[in-house]
Amino acid sequence: MFTTKTTRLGSGYGCRVFFNGALIVEGRCANRSLIGATFRDLLRTLDKCSGDDFTSAARFRKYREGNPVVSTKHIWTRGTK
């Protein structure tokens, strides 16, 4: 099961995606208004690999009219669990 968490950093926000409690990928954004766009970008990539209904829904919202679009650097980690 995928979950997300946002953390305030000194220079913006960190957007993390977990799978069963293990950190999978992280992205960073400069301000609060780009958090949703950053998560859509991260979840879209995960959906391409092997996602679920949660990642699929985010994938098709990325380019919806009115949504900001970003392409963030993906910081991949190896899960510890």
C-alpha atoms as a PDB file:
ATOM      1  CA  MET A   1       0.000   0.000   0.000  1.00  0.00           C
ATOM      2  CA  PHE A   2       1.390   3.391  -1.021  1.00  0.00           C
ATOM      3  CA  THR A   3       1.333   6.323   1.410  1.00  0.00           C
ATOM      4  CA  THR A   4       2.682   9.858   1.215  1.00  0.00           C
ATOM      5  CA  LYS A   5       4.207  12.335   3.636  1.00  0.00           C
ATOM      6  CA  THR A   6       5.286  15.953   3.290  1.00  0.00           C
ATOM      7  CA  THR A   7       8.003  17.504   5.446  1.00  0.00           C
ATOM      8  CA  ARG A   8       8.931  21.174   5.719  1.00  0.00           C
ATOM      9  CA  LEU A   9      12.624  21.648   4.941  1.00  0.00           C
ATOM     10  CA  GLY A  10      14.735  24.766   5.291  1.00  0.00           C
ATOM     11  CA  SER A  11      14.645  25.388   1.543  1.00  0.00           C
ATOM     12  CA  GLY A  12      11.171  24.109   0.636  1.00  0.00           C
ATOM     13  CA  TYR A  13       9.279  20.856   1.098  1.00  0.00           C
ATOM     14  CA  GLY A  14      10.205  17.180   0.887  1.00  0.00           C
ATOM     15  CA  CYS A  15       7.560  14.906  -0.630  1.00  0.00           C
ATOM     16  CA  ARG A  16       8.033  11.220   0.219  1.00  0.00           C
ATOM     17  CA  VAL A  17       6.256   8.120  -1.047  1.00  0.00           C
ATOM     18  CA  PHE A  18       6.279   4.960   1.078  1.00  0.00           C
ATOM     19  CA  PHE A  19       5.308   1.404   0.219  1.00  0.00           C
ATOM     20  CA  ASN A  20       4.251  -0.682   3.239  1.00  0.00           C
ATOM     21  CA  GLY A  21       6.124   1.707   5.526  1.00  0.00           C
ATOM     22  CA  ALA A  22       9.394   1.689   3.574  1.00  0.00           C
ATOM     23  CA  LEU A  23      10.559   4.851   1.811  1.00  0.00           C
ATOM     24  CA  ILE A  24      10.638   4.317  -1.964  1.00  0.00           C
ATOM     25  CA  VAL A  25      11.135   7.713  -3.586  1.00  0.00           C
ATOM     26  CA  GLU A  26      11.410  11.353  -2.570  1.00  0.00           C
ATOM     27  CA  GLY A  27      11.109  14.643  -4.423  1.00  0.00           C
ATOM     28  CA  ARG A  28      11.604  18.247  -3.394  1.00  0.00           C
ATOM     29  CA  CYS A  29       9.649  21.385  -4.243  1.00  0.00           C
ATOM     30  CA  ALA A  30      10.348  25.051  -3.609  1.00  0.00           C
ATOM     31  CA  ASN A  31       6.995  26.115  -2.191  1.00  0.00           C
ATOM     32  CA  ARG A  32       3.759  24.796  -0.750  1.00  0.00           C
ATOM     33  CA  SER A  33       1.713  25.360  -3.910  1.00  0.00           C
ATOM     34  CA  LEU A  34       3.808  22.748  -5.780  1.00  0.00           C
ATOM     35  CA  ILE A  35       3.389  19.863  -3.295  1.00  0.00           C
ATOM     36  CA  GLY A  36       0.470  18.300  -5.202  1.00  0.00           C
ATOM     37  CA  ALA A  37       2.251  18.598  -8.540  1.00  0.00           C
ATOM     38  CA  THR A  38       5.379  17.009  -7.066  1.00  0.00           C
ATOM     39  CA  PHE A  39       3.408  14.045  -5.701  1.00  0.00           C
ATOM     40  CA  ARG A  40       1.609  13.599  -9.038  1.00  0.00           C
ATOM     41  CA  ASP A  41       4.983  13.418 -10.792  1.00  0.00           C
ATOM     42  CA  LEU A  42       6.384  10.878  -8.302  1.00  0.00           C
ATOM     43  CA  LEU A  43       3.245   8.715  -8.318  1.00  0.00           C
ATOM     44  CA  ARG A  44       3.049   8.807 -12.119  1.00  0.00           C
ATOM     45  CA  THR A  45       6.538   7.310 -12.301  1.00  0.00           C
ATOM     46  CA  LEU A  46       5.648   4.617  -9.750  1.00  0.00           C
ATOM     47  CA  ASP A  47       2.493   3.775 -11.698  1.00  0.00           C
ATOM     48  CA  LYS A  48       4.577   3.168 -14.813  1.00  0.00           C
ATOM     49  CA  CYS A  49       6.731   0.688 -12.866  1.00  0.00           C
ATOM     50  CA  SER A  50       4.029  -1.252 -11.032  1.00  0.00           C
ATOM     51  CA  GLY A  51       1.394   0.780  -9.312  1.00  0.00           C
ATOM     52  CA  ASP A  52      -2.081   0.349  -7.924  1.00  0.00           C
ATOM     53  CA  ASP A  53      -5.350   2.301  -8.005  1.00  0.00           C
ATOM     54  CA  PHE A  54      -3.814   5.080  -5.899  1.00  0.00           C
ATOM     55  CA  THR A  55      -0.888   5.708  -8.253  1.00  0.00           C
ATOM     56  CA  SER A  56      -3.069   5.288 -11.333  1.00  0.00           C
ATOM     57  CA  ALA A  57      -5.484   7.990 -10.190  1.00  0.00           C
ATOM     58  CA  ALA A  58      -2.612  10.425  -9.644  1.00  0.00           C
ATOM     59  CA  ARG A  59      -1.094   9.573 -13.013  1.00  0.00           C
ATOM     60  CA  PHE A  60      -4.140  10.692 -14.951  1.00  0.00           C
ATOM     61  CA  ARG A  61      -4.526  13.906 -12.913  1.00  0.00           C
ATOM     62  CA  LYS A  62      -1.045  15.175 -13.759  1.00  0.00           C
ATOM     63  CA  TYR A  63      -2.007  16.977 -16.971  1.00  0.00           C
ATOM     64  CA  ARG A  64      -5.592  17.878 -16.033  1.00  0.00           C
ATOM     65  CA  GLU A  65      -6.460  21.452 -16.930  1.00  0.00           C
ATOM     66  CA  GLY A  66      -5.728  23.844 -14.071  1.00  0.00           C
ATOM     67  CA  ASN A  67      -3.216  21.599 -12.283  1.00  0.00           C
ATOM     68  CA  PRO A  68       0.346  22.916 -12.017  1.00  0.00           C
ATOM     69  CA  VAL A  69       2.877  20.599 -13.672  1.00  0.00           C
ATOM     70  CA  VAL A  70       6.427  19.985 -12.455  1.00  0.00           C
ATOM     71  CA  SER A  71       9.107  17.485 -13.334  1.00  0.00           C
ATOM     72  CA  THR A  72      10.978  16.869 -10.129  1.00  0.00           C
ATOM     73  CA  LYS A  73      14.226  15.043  -9.532  1.00  0.00           C
ATOM     74  CA  HIS A  74      13.432  11.592  -8.145  1.00  0.00           C
ATOM     75  CA  ILE A  75      15.567  10.573  -5.183  1.00  0.00           C
ATOM     76  CA  TRP A  76      15.276   6.776  -5.072  1.00  0.00           C
ATOM     77  CA  THR A  77      15.964   4.810  -1.907  1.00  0.00           C
ATOM     78  CA  ARG A  78      16.053   1.169  -1.055  1.00  0.00           C
ATOM     79  CA  GLY A  79      13.371   0.082   1.366  1.00  0.00           C
ATOM     80  CA  THR A  80      14.549  -1.113   4.754  1.00  0.00           C
ATOM     81  CA  LYS A  81      11.644  -3.495   5.340  1.00  0.00           C
END
